[in-house]
Amino acid sequence: LSPPMSGSELWCVHSDPCGICCAGVTYILLFFADWVVCTHLLPPWLGLSTGSCVLGLAFLLISALAVASHLRTMLTDPGAVPHEYTPSALLHDEKALPMCSRCNGFKPPDH
């Protein structure tokens, strides 16, 4: 794993070829869908009308938001519970505290 983000650095798992391939396939499929909708679906259906342009731009905006969301998720450090974390609200009953079996740190409570 790469070190967590600090400042403007990106966080990414570089040693995961399957994940990188899946991300590439995801972007290829998204851009292919953009191309199909904007060149083969909307113009034959509505012609080059204002409605066709508005629908095409709306679809491209949603697609761009999907790409931005995926990139942000893929390149942001997911975080972890700090090892010295102690849940103060649950300290009265230590048997009910969820613990990690590998590091003996507290886990976040389940909802």
PDB file of N, CA and C in Angstrom:
ATOM      1  N   LEU A   1       0.825  -1.193   0.000  1.00  0.00           N
ATOM      2  CA  LEU A   1       0.000   0.000   0.000  1.00  0.00           C
ATOM      3  C   LEU A   1       0.862   1.246   0.000  1.00  0.00           C
ATOM      4  N   SER A   2       0.387   2.259  -0.636  1.00  0.00           N
ATOM      5  CA  SER A   2       1.083   3.537  -0.647  1.00  0.00           C
ATOM      6  C   SER A   2       0.778   4.280   0.641  1.00  0.00           C
ATOM      7  N   PRO A   3       1.633   5.245   1.016  1.00  0.00           N
ATOM      8  CA  PRO A   3       1.348   6.021   2.222  1.00  0.00           C
ATOM      9  C   PRO A   3       0.099   6.869   2.049  1.00  0.00           C
ATOM     10  N   PRO A   4      -0.554   7.230   3.150  1.00  0.00           N
ATOM     11  CA  PRO A   4      -1.764   8.038   3.054  1.00  0.00           C
ATOM     12  C   PRO A   4      -1.492   9.425   2.487  1.00  0.00           C
ATOM     13  N   MET A   5      -2.569  10.060   2.040  1.00  0.00           N
ATOM     14  CA  MET A   5      -2.460  11.393   1.446  1.00  0.00           C
ATOM     15  C   MET A   5      -2.028  12.412   2.481  1.00  0.00           C
ATOM     16  N   SER A   6      -1.162  13.297   2.070  1.00  0.00           N
ATOM     17  CA  SER A   6      -0.821  14.449   2.890  1.00  0.00           C
ATOM     18  C   SER A   6      -0.685  15.633   1.945  1.00  0.00           C
ATOM     19  N   GLY A   7      -1.537  16.614   2.131  1.00  0.00           N
ATOM     20  CA  GLY A   7      -1.526  17.751   1.231  1.00  0.00           C
ATOM     21  C   GLY A   7      -2.187  17.382  -0.084  1.00  0.00           C
ATOM     22  N   SER A   8      -1.444  17.503  -1.195  1.00  0.00           N
ATOM     23  CA  SER A   8      -2.021  17.249  -2.507  1.00  0.00           C
ATOM     24  C   SER A   8      -1.575  15.914  -3.098  1.00  0.00           C
ATOM     25  N   GLU A   9      -0.942  15.056  -2.306  1.00  0.00           N
ATOM     26  CA  GLU A   9      -0.502  13.768  -2.816  1.00  0.00           C
ATOM     27  C   GLU A   9      -1.695  12.847  -3.037  1.00  0.00           C
ATOM     28  N   LEU A  10      -1.577  11.961  -4.026  1.00  0.00           N
ATOM     29  CA  LEU A  10      -2.614  10.981  -4.293  1.00  0.00           C
ATOM     30  C   LEU A  10      -2.290   9.685  -3.584  1.00  0.00           C
ATOM     31  N   TRP A  11      -3.324   9.002  -3.176  1.00  0.00           N
ATOM     32  CA  TRP A  11      -3.174   7.705  -2.551  1.00  0.00           C
ATOM     33  C   TRP A  11      -3.705   6.674  -3.530  1.00  0.00           C
ATOM     34  N   CYS A  12      -2.927   5.641  -3.810  1.00  0.00           N
ATOM     35  CA  CYS A  12      -3.370   4.619  -4.746  1.00  0.00           C
ATOM     36  C   CYS A  12      -2.586   3.341  -4.480  1.00  0.00           C
ATOM     37  N   VAL A  13      -3.242   2.201  -4.652  1.00  0.00           N
ATOM     38  CA  VAL A  13      -2.565   0.919  -4.528  1.00  0.00           C
ATOM     39  C   VAL A  13      -1.991   0.601  -5.910  1.00  0.00           C
ATOM     40  N   HIS A  14      -0.677   0.781  -6.067  1.00  0.00           N
ATOM     41  CA  HIS A  14      -0.040   0.598  -7.367  1.00  0.00           C
ATOM     42  C   HIS A  14       0.226  -0.866  -7.690  1.00  0.00           C
ATOM     43  N   SER A  15       0.231  -1.727  -6.686  1.00  0.00           N
ATOM     44  CA  SER A  15       0.578  -3.124  -6.903  1.00  0.00           C
ATOM     45  C   SER A  15      -0.665  -3.999  -7.066  1.00  0.00           C
ATOM     46  N   ASP A  16      -1.732  -3.446  -7.614  1.00  0.00           N
ATOM     47  CA  ASP A  16      -2.968  -4.196  -7.814  1.00  0.00           C
ATOM     48  C   ASP A  16      -3.348  -4.166  -9.292  1.00  0.00           C
ATOM     49  N   PRO A  17      -2.758  -5.053 -10.100  1.00  0.00           N
ATOM     50  CA  PRO A  17      -3.051  -5.017 -11.535  1.00  0.00           C
ATOM     51  C   PRO A  17      -4.517  -5.310 -11.847  1.00  0.00           C
ATOM     52  N   CYS A  18      -5.161  -6.152 -11.064  1.00  0.00           N
ATOM     53  CA  CYS A  18      -6.577  -6.449 -11.303  1.00  0.00           C
ATOM     54  C   CYS A  18      -7.429  -5.196 -11.078  1.00  0.00           C
ATOM     55  N   GLY A  19      -7.150  -4.449 -10.020  1.00  0.00           N
ATOM     56  CA  GLY A  19      -7.893  -3.225  -9.751  1.00  0.00           C
ATOM     57  C   GLY A  19      -7.669  -2.169 -10.817  1.00  0.00           C
ATOM     58  N   ILE A  20      -6.437  -2.045 -11.292  1.00  0.00           N
ATOM     59  CA  ILE A  20      -6.129  -1.068 -12.344  1.00  0.00           C
ATOM     60  C   ILE A  20      -6.821  -1.460 -13.643  1.00  0.00           C
ATOM     61  N   CYS A  21      -6.824  -2.757 -13.962  1.00  0.00           N
ATOM     62  CA  CYS A  21      -7.525  -3.227 -15.164  1.00  0.00           C
ATOM     63  C   CYS A  21      -9.028  -2.989 -15.047  1.00  0.00           C
ATOM     64  N   CYS A  22      -9.600  -3.242 -13.884  1.00  0.00           N
ATOM     65  CA  CYS A  22     -11.032  -3.008 -13.681  1.00  0.00           C
ATOM     66  C   CYS A  22     -11.374  -1.524 -13.819  1.00  0.00           C
ATOM     67  N   ALA A  23     -10.515  -0.660 -13.288  1.00  0.00           N
ATOM     68  CA  ALA A  23     -10.747   0.778 -13.441  1.00  0.00           C
ATOM     69  C   ALA A  23     -10.674   1.177 -14.915  1.00  0.00           C
ATOM     70  N   GLY A  24      -9.705   0.630 -15.633  1.00  0.00           N
ATOM     71  CA  GLY A  24      -9.594   0.925 -17.068  1.00  0.00           C
ATOM     72  C   GLY A  24     -10.819   0.461 -17.839  1.00  0.00           C
ATOM     73  N   VAL A  25     -11.299  -0.743 -17.548  1.00  0.00           N
ATOM     74  CA  VAL A  25     -12.503  -1.252 -18.216  1.00  0.00           C
ATOM     75  C   VAL A  25     -13.707  -0.388 -17.858  1.00  0.00           C
ATOM     76  N   THR A  26     -13.781   0.060 -16.618  1.00  0.00           N
ATOM     77  CA  THR A  26     -14.881   0.932 -16.201  1.00  0.00           C
ATOM     78  C   THR A  26     -14.904   2.210 -17.019  1.00  0.00           C
ATOM     79  N   TYR A  27     -13.736   2.845 -17.186  1.00  0.00           N
ATOM     80  CA  TYR A  27     -13.686   4.089 -17.955  1.00  0.00           C
ATOM     81  C   TYR A  27     -13.959   3.851 -19.434  1.00  0.00           C
ATOM     82  N   ILE A  28     -13.472   2.743 -19.978  1.00  0.00           N
ATOM     83  CA  ILE A  28     -13.759   2.426 -21.383  1.00  0.00           C
ATOM     84  C   ILE A  28     -15.267   2.262 -21.577  1.00  0.00           C
ATOM     85  N   LEU A  29     -15.925   1.542 -20.669  1.00  0.00           N
ATOM     86  CA  LEU A  29     -17.371   1.357 -20.782  1.00  0.00           C
ATOM     87  C   LEU A  29     -18.137   2.667 -20.629  1.00  0.00           C
ATOM     88  N   LEU A  30     -17.706   3.516 -19.695  1.00  0.00           N
ATOM     89  CA  LEU A  30     -18.376   4.808 -19.536  1.00  0.00           C
ATOM     90  C   LEU A  30     -18.229   5.682 -20.772  1.00  0.00           C
ATOM     91  N   PHE A  31     -17.024   5.750 -21.326  1.00  0.00           N
ATOM     92  CA  PHE A  31     -16.813   6.585 -22.506  1.00  0.00           C
ATOM     93  C   PHE A  31     -17.492   5.986 -23.735  1.00  0.00           C
ATOM     94  N   PHE A  32     -17.557   4.654 -23.808  1.00  0.00           N
ATOM     95  CA  PHE A  32     -18.289   4.022 -24.898  1.00  0.00           C
ATOM     96  C   PHE A  32     -19.777   4.356 -24.807  1.00  0.00           C
ATOM     97  N   ALA A  33     -20.325   4.324 -23.595  1.00  0.00           N
ATOM     98  CA  ALA A  33     -21.733   4.691 -23.408  1.00  0.00           C
ATOM     99  C   ALA A  33     -21.978   6.147 -23.810  1.00  0.00           C
ATOM    100  N   ASP A  34     -21.049   7.040 -23.467  1.00  0.00           N
ATOM    101  CA  ASP A  34     -21.172   8.445 -23.884  1.00  0.00           C
ATOM    102  C   ASP A  34     -21.217   8.556 -25.401  1.00  0.00           C
ATOM    103  N   TRP A  35     -20.325   7.852 -26.053  1.00  0.00           N
ATOM    104  CA  TRP A  35     -20.232   7.909 -27.525  1.00  0.00           C
ATOM    105  C   TRP A  35     -21.508   7.359 -28.161  1.00  0.00           C
ATOM    106  N   VAL A  36     -22.001   6.226 -27.653  1.00  0.00           N
ATOM    107  CA  VAL A  36     -23.204   5.612 -28.226  1.00  0.00           C
ATOM    108  C   VAL A  36     -24.408   6.520 -28.046  1.00  0.00           C
ATOM    109  N   VAL A  37     -24.592   7.058 -26.861  1.00  0.00           N
ATOM    110  CA  VAL A  37     -25.755   7.903 -26.597  1.00  0.00           C
ATOM    111  C   VAL A  37     -25.702   9.178 -27.444  1.00  0.00           C
ATOM    112  N   CYS A  38     -24.524   9.797 -27.513  1.00  0.00           N
ATOM    113  CA  CYS A  38     -24.417  11.095 -28.198  1.00  0.00           C
ATOM    114  C   CYS A  38     -24.318  10.990 -29.718  1.00  0.00           C
ATOM    115  N   THR A  39     -23.967   9.830 -30.245  1.00  0.00           N
ATOM    116  CA  THR A  39     -23.840   9.717 -31.710  1.00  0.00           C
ATOM    117  C   THR A  39     -24.839   8.763 -32.344  1.00  0.00           C
ATOM    118  N   HIS A  40     -25.270   7.719 -31.649  1.00  0.00           N
ATOM    119  CA  HIS A  40     -26.134   6.712 -32.263  1.00  0.00           C
ATOM    120  C   HIS A  40     -27.534   6.619 -31.663  1.00  0.00           C
ATOM    121  N   LEU A  41     -27.770   7.238 -30.536  1.00  0.00           N
ATOM    122  CA  LEU A  41     -29.086   7.143 -29.913  1.00  0.00           C
ATOM    123  C   LEU A  41     -29.875   8.443 -30.047  1.00  0.00           C
ATOM    124  N   LEU A  42     -29.320   9.525 -29.552  1.00  0.00           N
ATOM    125  CA  LEU A  42     -30.070  10.786 -29.547  1.00  0.00           C
ATOM    126  C   LEU A  42     -30.276  11.400 -30.937  1.00  0.00           C
ATOM    127  N   PRO A  43     -29.255  11.515 -31.794  1.00  0.00           N
ATOM    128  CA  PRO A  43     -29.511  12.139 -33.102  1.00  0.00           C
ATOM    129  C   PRO A  43     -30.549  11.411 -33.965  1.00  0.00           C
ATOM    130  N   PRO A  44     -30.521  10.082 -34.083  1.00  0.00           N
ATOM    131  CA  PRO A  44     -31.583   9.455 -34.874  1.00  0.00           C
ATOM    132  C   PRO A  44     -32.974   9.576 -34.238  1.00  0.00           C
ATOM    133  N   TRP A  45     -33.024   9.640 -32.939  1.00  0.00           N
ATOM    134  CA  TRP A  45     -34.302   9.688 -32.243  1.00  0.00           C
ATOM    135  C   TRP A  45     -34.904  11.091 -32.278  1.00  0.00           C
ATOM    136  N   LEU A  46     -34.099  12.118 -31.950  1.00  0.00           N
ATOM    137  CA  LEU A  46     -34.608  13.493 -31.855  1.00  0.00           C
ATOM    138  C   LEU A  46     -34.024  14.434 -32.894  1.00  0.00           C
ATOM    139  N   GLY A  47     -33.100  13.958 -33.723  1.00  0.00           N
ATOM    140  CA  GLY A  47     -32.430  14.846 -34.662  1.00  0.00           C
ATOM    141  C   GLY A  47     -31.461  15.757 -33.919  1.00  0.00           C
ATOM    142  N   LEU A  48     -31.019  16.800 -34.577  1.00  0.00           N
ATOM    143  CA  LEU A  48     -30.120  17.752 -33.920  1.00  0.00           C
ATOM    144  C   LEU A  48     -30.927  18.924 -33.356  1.00  0.00           C
ATOM    145  N   SER A  49     -31.899  18.599 -32.517  1.00  0.00           N
ATOM    146  CA  SER A  49     -32.765  19.615 -31.931  1.00  0.00           C
ATOM    147  C   SER A  49     -32.183  20.096 -30.599  1.00  0.00           C
ATOM    148  N   THR A  50     -32.821  21.099 -30.051  1.00  0.00           N
ATOM    149  CA  THR A  50     -32.411  21.613 -28.747  1.00  0.00           C
ATOM    150  C   THR A  50     -32.589  20.543 -27.675  1.00  0.00           C
ATOM    151  N   GLY A  51     -33.691  19.805 -27.749  1.00  0.00           N
ATOM    152  CA  GLY A  51     -33.935  18.739 -26.777  1.00  0.00           C
ATOM    153  C   GLY A  51     -32.862  17.672 -26.820  1.00  0.00           C
ATOM    154  N   SER A  52     -32.411  17.323 -28.005  1.00  0.00           N
ATOM    155  CA  SER A  52     -31.349  16.327 -28.153  1.00  0.00           C
ATOM    156  C   SER A  52     -30.048  16.833 -27.523  1.00  0.00           C
ATOM    157  N   CYS A  53     -29.741  18.093 -27.742  1.00  0.00           N
ATOM    158  CA  CYS A  53     -28.519  18.670 -27.163  1.00  0.00           C
ATOM    159  C   CYS A  53     -28.613  18.737 -25.636  1.00  0.00           C
ATOM    160  N   VAL A  54     -29.778  19.111 -25.117  1.00  0.00           N
ATOM    161  CA  VAL A  54     -29.954  19.198 -23.666  1.00  0.00           C
ATOM    162  C   VAL A  54     -29.827  17.803 -23.036  1.00  0.00           C
ATOM    163  N   LEU A  55     -30.470  16.808 -23.645  1.00  0.00           N
ATOM    164  CA  LEU A  55     -30.373  15.442 -23.122  1.00  0.00           C
ATOM    165  C   LEU A  55     -28.944  14.909 -23.211  1.00  0.00           C
ATOM    166  N   GLY A  56     -28.268  15.213 -24.323  1.00  0.00           N
ATOM    167  CA  GLY A  56     -26.878  14.781 -24.476  1.00  0.00           C
ATOM    168  C   GLY A  56     -25.973  15.413 -23.432  1.00  0.00           C
ATOM    169  N   LEU A  57     -26.136  16.712 -23.200  1.00  0.00           N
ATOM    170  CA  LEU A  57     -25.331  17.387 -22.190  1.00  0.00           C
ATOM    171  C   LEU A  57     -25.643  16.881 -20.781  1.00  0.00           C
ATOM    172  N   ALA A  58     -26.919  16.606 -20.514  1.00  0.00           N
ATOM    173  CA  ALA A  58     -27.284  16.063 -19.204  1.00  0.00           C
ATOM    174  C   ALA A  58     -26.652  14.691 -19.001  1.00  0.00           C
ATOM    175  N   PHE A  59     -26.685  13.850 -20.034  1.00  0.00           N
ATOM    176  CA  PHE A  59     -26.073  12.528 -19.933  1.00  0.00           C
ATOM    177  C   PHE A  59     -24.564  12.642 -19.729  1.00  0.00           C
ATOM    178  N   LEU A  60     -23.926  13.551 -20.472  1.00  0.00           N
ATOM    179  CA  LEU A  60     -22.478  13.740 -20.317  1.00  0.00           C
ATOM    180  C   LEU A  60     -22.126  14.290 -18.931  1.00  0.00           C
ATOM    181  N   LEU A  61     -22.973  15.151 -18.381  1.00  0.00           N
ATOM    182  CA  LEU A  61     -22.737  15.681 -17.036  1.00  0.00           C
ATOM    183  C   LEU A  61     -22.823  14.564 -15.997  1.00  0.00           C
ATOM    184  N   ILE A  62     -23.841  13.720 -16.111  1.00  0.00           N
ATOM    185  CA  ILE A  62     -23.969  12.603 -15.173  1.00  0.00           C
ATOM    186  C   ILE A  62     -22.810  11.639 -15.329  1.00  0.00           C
ATOM    187  N   SER A  63     -22.380  11.402 -16.546  1.00  0.00           N
ATOM    188  CA  SER A  63     -21.241  10.524 -16.787  1.00  0.00           C
ATOM    189  C   SER A  63     -19.960  11.119 -16.206  1.00  0.00           C
ATOM    190  N   ALA A  64     -19.775  12.422 -16.366  1.00  0.00           N
ATOM    191  CA  ALA A  64     -18.594  13.078 -15.803  1.00  0.00           C
ATOM    192  C   ALA A  64     -18.615  13.017 -14.277  1.00  0.00           C
ATOM    193  N   LEU A  65     -19.790  13.170 -13.679  1.00  0.00           N
ATOM    194  CA  LEU A  65     -19.900  13.043 -12.225  1.00  0.00           C
ATOM    195  C   LEU A  65     -19.576  11.623 -11.765  1.00  0.00           C
ATOM    196  N   ALA A  66     -19.981  10.631 -12.555  1.00  0.00           N
ATOM    197  CA  ALA A  66     -19.656   9.236 -12.215  1.00  0.00           C
ATOM    198  C   ALA A  66     -18.151   9.001 -12.279  1.00  0.00           C
ATOM    199  N   VAL A  67     -17.496   9.540 -13.316  1.00  0.00           N
ATOM    200  CA  VAL A  67     -16.032   9.392 -13.440  1.00  0.00           C
ATOM    201  C   VAL A  67     -15.334  10.114 -12.291  1.00  0.00           C
ATOM    202  N   ALA A  68     -15.772  11.328 -11.974  1.00  0.00           N
ATOM    203  CA  ALA A  68     -15.152  12.085 -10.881  1.00  0.00           C
ATOM    204  C   ALA A  68     -15.342  11.366  -9.545  1.00  0.00           C
ATOM    205  N   SER A  69     -16.530  10.811  -9.325  1.00  0.00           N
ATOM    206  CA  SER A  69     -16.787  10.087  -8.095  1.00  0.00           C
ATOM    207  C   SER A  69     -15.917   8.834  -7.995  1.00  0.00           C
ATOM    208  N   HIS A  70     -15.791   8.106  -9.098  1.00  0.00           N
ATOM    209  CA  HIS A  70     -14.963   6.907  -9.097  1.00  0.00           C
ATOM    210  C   HIS A  70     -13.497   7.254  -8.867  1.00  0.00           C
ATOM    211  N   LEU A  71     -13.012   8.302  -9.526  1.00  0.00           N
ATOM    212  CA  LEU A  71     -11.620   8.716  -9.333  1.00  0.00           C
ATOM    213  C   LEU A  71     -11.366   9.140  -7.890  1.00  0.00           C
ATOM    214  N   ARG A  72     -12.297   9.887  -7.329  1.00  0.00           N
ATOM    215  CA  ARG A  72     -12.113  10.340  -5.947  1.00  0.00           C
ATOM    216  C   ARG A  72     -12.099   9.153  -4.985  1.00  0.00           C
ATOM    217  N   THR A  73     -12.968   8.195  -5.228  1.00  0.00           N
ATOM    218  CA  THR A  73     -13.008   7.002  -4.388  1.00  0.00           C
ATOM    219  C   THR A  73     -11.740   6.180  -4.552  1.00  0.00           C
ATOM    220  N   MET A  74     -11.263   6.058  -5.776  1.00  0.00           N
ATOM    221  CA  MET A  74     -10.101   5.237  -6.059  1.00  0.00           C
ATOM    222  C   MET A  74      -8.795   5.872  -5.565  1.00  0.00           C
ATOM    223  N   LEU A  75      -8.725   7.187  -5.537  1.00  0.00           N
ATOM    224  CA  LEU A  75      -7.473   7.879  -5.229  1.00  0.00           C
ATOM    225  C   LEU A  75      -7.459   8.544  -3.848  1.00  0.00           C
ATOM    226  N   THR A  76      -8.426   8.216  -2.999  1.00  0.00           N
ATOM    227  CA  THR A  76      -8.483   8.789  -1.661  1.00  0.00           C
ATOM    228  C   THR A  76      -8.181   7.708  -0.633  1.00  0.00           C
ATOM    229  N   ASP A  77      -7.399   8.057   0.355  1.00  0.00           N
ATOM    230  CA  ASP A  77      -7.059   7.124   1.422  1.00  0.00           C
ATOM    231  C   ASP A  77      -8.327   6.740   2.175  1.00  0.00           C
ATOM    232  N   PRO A  78      -8.616   5.449   2.304  1.00  0.00           N
ATOM    233  CA  PRO A  78      -9.840   5.050   2.989  1.00  0.00           C
ATOM    234  C   PRO A  78      -9.797   5.298   4.489  1.00  0.00           C
ATOM    235  N   GLY A  79      -8.609   5.509   5.033  1.00  0.00           N
ATOM    236  CA  GLY A  79      -8.490   5.782   6.465  1.00  0.00           C
ATOM    237  C   GLY A  79      -8.521   4.512   7.288  1.00  0.00           C
ATOM    238  N   ALA A  80      -8.247   4.669   8.535  1.00  0.00           N
ATOM    239  CA  ALA A  80      -8.249   3.553   9.479  1.00  0.00           C
ATOM    240  C   ALA A  80      -8.489   4.107  10.874  1.00  0.00           C
ATOM    241  N   VAL A  81      -8.940   3.251  11.749  1.00  0.00           N
ATOM    242  CA  VAL A  81      -9.121   3.644  13.135  1.00  0.00           C
ATOM    243  C   VAL A  81      -7.730   3.742  13.765  1.00  0.00           C
ATOM    244  N   PRO A  82      -7.375   4.880  14.382  1.00  0.00           N
ATOM    245  CA  PRO A  82      -6.064   4.992  15.026  1.00  0.00           C
ATOM    246  C   PRO A  82      -5.887   3.928  16.105  1.00  0.00           C
ATOM    247  N   HIS A  83      -4.676   3.409  16.245  1.00  0.00           N
ATOM    248  CA  HIS A  83      -4.423   2.317  17.183  1.00  0.00           C
ATOM    249  C   HIS A  83      -4.691   2.742  18.629  1.00  0.00           C
ATOM    250  N   GLU A  84      -4.491   4.009  18.940  1.00  0.00           N
ATOM    251  CA  GLU A  84      -4.708   4.465  20.319  1.00  0.00           C
ATOM    252  C   GLU A  84      -6.150   4.897  20.584  1.00  0.00           C
ATOM    253  N   TYR A  85      -7.059   4.675  19.641  1.00  0.00           N
ATOM    254  CA  TYR A  85      -8.469   5.041  19.801  1.00  0.00           C
ATOM    255  C   TYR A  85      -9.113   4.212  20.918  1.00  0.00           C
ATOM    256  N   THR A  86      -9.840   4.894  21.789  1.00  0.00           N
ATOM    257  CA  THR A  86     -10.581   4.227  22.855  1.00  0.00           C
ATOM    258  C   THR A  86     -11.974   4.838  22.894  1.00  0.00           C
ATOM    259  N   PRO A  87     -12.988   4.059  22.655  1.00  0.00           N
ATOM    260  CA  PRO A  87     -14.350   4.614  22.671  1.00  0.00           C
ATOM    261  C   PRO A  87     -14.794   4.920  24.097  1.00  0.00           C
ATOM    262  N   SER A  88     -14.884   6.170  24.442  1.00  0.00           N
ATOM    263  CA  SER A  88     -15.191   6.568  25.827  1.00  0.00           C
ATOM    264  C   SER A  88     -16.610   6.194  26.225  1.00  0.00           C
ATOM    265  N   ALA A  89     -17.551   6.181  25.297  1.00  0.00           N
ATOM    266  CA  ALA A  89     -18.940   5.872  25.639  1.00  0.00           C
ATOM    267  C   ALA A  89     -19.128   4.407  25.997  1.00  0.00           C
ATOM    268  N   LEU A  90     -18.236   3.542  25.557  1.00  0.00           N
ATOM    269  CA  LEU A  90     -18.399   2.108  25.786  1.00  0.00           C
ATOM    270  C   LEU A  90     -17.435   1.550  26.831  1.00  0.00           C
ATOM    271  N   LEU A  91     -16.659   2.396  27.491  1.00  0.00           N
ATOM    272  CA  LEU A  91     -15.633   1.902  28.417  1.00  0.00           C
ATOM    273  C   LEU A  91     -16.188   1.197  29.652  1.00  0.00           C
ATOM    274  N   HIS A  92     -17.437   1.442  30.003  1.00  0.00           N
ATOM    275  CA  HIS A  92     -17.994   0.818  31.202  1.00  0.00           C
ATOM    276  C   HIS A  92     -18.159  -0.696  31.030  1.00  0.00           C
ATOM    277  N   ASP A  93     -18.279  -1.184  29.790  1.00  0.00           N
ATOM    278  CA  ASP A  93     -18.440  -2.612  29.535  1.00  0.00           C
ATOM    279  C   ASP A  93     -17.423  -3.044  28.490  1.00  0.00           C
ATOM    280  N   GLU A  94     -16.214  -3.373  28.928  1.00  0.00           N
ATOM    281  CA  GLU A  94     -15.129  -3.689  27.988  1.00  0.00           C
ATOM    282  C   GLU A  94     -15.373  -4.971  27.211  1.00  0.00           C
ATOM    283  N   LYS A  95     -16.226  -5.868  27.711  1.00  0.00           N
ATOM    284  CA  LYS A  95     -16.493  -7.106  26.985  1.00  0.00           C
ATOM    285  C   LYS A  95     -17.306  -6.847  25.725  1.00  0.00           C
ATOM    286  N   ALA A  96     -18.036  -5.735  25.668  1.00  0.00           N
ATOM    287  CA  ALA A  96     -18.867  -5.414  24.510  1.00  0.00           C
ATOM    288  C   ALA A  96     -18.090  -4.668  23.432  1.00  0.00           C
ATOM    289  N   LEU A  97     -16.831  -4.321  23.698  1.00  0.00           N
ATOM    290  CA  LEU A  97     -16.049  -3.563  22.731  1.00  0.00           C
ATOM    291  C   LEU A  97     -15.515  -4.481  21.640  1.00  0.00           C
ATOM    292  N   PRO A  98     -15.786  -4.163  20.379  1.00  0.00           N
ATOM    293  CA  PRO A  98     -15.240  -4.994  19.299  1.00  0.00           C
ATOM    294  C   PRO A  98     -13.737  -4.751  19.158  1.00  0.00           C
ATOM    295  N   MET A  99     -12.973  -5.827  19.099  1.00  0.00           N
ATOM    296  CA  MET A  99     -11.513  -5.726  19.013  1.00  0.00           C
ATOM    297  C   MET A  99     -11.022  -6.435  17.760  1.00  0.00           C
ATOM    298  N   CYS A 100      -9.940  -5.943  17.189  1.00  0.00           N
ATOM    299  CA  CYS A 100      -9.282  -6.576  16.056  1.00  0.00           C
ATOM    300  C   CYS A 100      -8.459  -7.755  16.572  1.00  0.00           C
ATOM    301  N   SER A 101      -8.571  -8.882  15.913  1.00  0.00           N
ATOM    302  CA  SER A 101      -7.848 -10.070  16.372  1.00  0.00           C
ATOM    303  C   SER A 101      -6.361 -10.024  16.016  1.00  0.00           C
ATOM    304  N   ARG A 102      -5.980  -9.153  15.066  1.00  0.00           N
ATOM    305  CA  ARG A 102      -4.567  -9.077  14.659  1.00  0.00           C
ATOM    306  C   ARG A 102      -3.775  -8.040  15.439  1.00  0.00           C
ATOM    307  N   CYS A 103      -4.371  -6.862  15.681  1.00  0.00           N
ATOM    308  CA  CYS A 103      -3.597  -5.790  16.323  1.00  0.00           C
ATOM    309  C   CYS A 103      -4.112  -5.420  17.707  1.00  0.00           C
ATOM    310  N   ASN A 104      -5.197  -6.029  18.163  1.00  0.00           N
ATOM    311  CA  ASN A 104      -5.826  -5.737  19.451  1.00  0.00           C
ATOM    312  C   ASN A 104      -6.273  -4.289  19.578  1.00  0.00           C
ATOM    313  N   GLY A 105      -6.580  -3.657  18.465  1.00  0.00           N
ATOM    314  CA  GLY A 105      -7.127  -2.300  18.470  1.00  0.00           C
ATOM    315  C   GLY A 105      -8.643  -2.351  18.437  1.00  0.00           C
ATOM    316  N   PHE A 106      -9.267  -1.238  18.875  1.00  0.00           N
ATOM    317  CA  PHE A 106     -10.719  -1.176  18.860  1.00  0.00           C
ATOM    318  C   PHE A 106     -11.218  -1.036  17.440  1.00  0.00           C
ATOM    319  N   LYS A 107     -12.334  -1.699  17.140  1.00  0.00           N
ATOM    320  CA  LYS A 107     -13.001  -1.562  15.859  1.00  0.00           C
ATOM    321  C   LYS A 107     -14.125  -0.548  16.013  1.00  0.00           C
ATOM    322  N   PRO A 108     -14.503   0.120  14.925  1.00  0.00           N
ATOM    323  CA  PRO A 108     -15.663   1.001  15.032  1.00  0.00           C
ATOM    324  C   PRO A 108     -16.922   0.181  15.315  1.00  0.00           C
ATOM    325  N   PRO A 109     -17.892   0.743  16.035  1.00  0.00           N
ATOM    326  CA  PRO A 109     -19.096  -0.020  16.342  1.00  0.00           C
ATOM    327  C   PRO A 109     -19.920  -0.270  15.076  1.00  0.00           C
ATOM    328  N   ASP A 110     -20.604  -1.420  15.051  1.00  0.00           N
ATOM    329  CA  ASP A 110     -21.502  -1.728  13.949  1.00  0.00           C
ATOM    330  C   ASP A 110     -22.791  -0.944  14.122  1.00  0.00           C
ATOM    331  N   HIS A 111     -23.411  -0.608  13.000  1.00  0.00           N
ATOM    332  CA  HIS A 111     -24.674   0.128  13.061  1.00  0.00           C
ATOM    333  C   HIS A 111     -25.800  -0.780  12.699  1.00  0.00           C
TER     334      HIS A 111
END
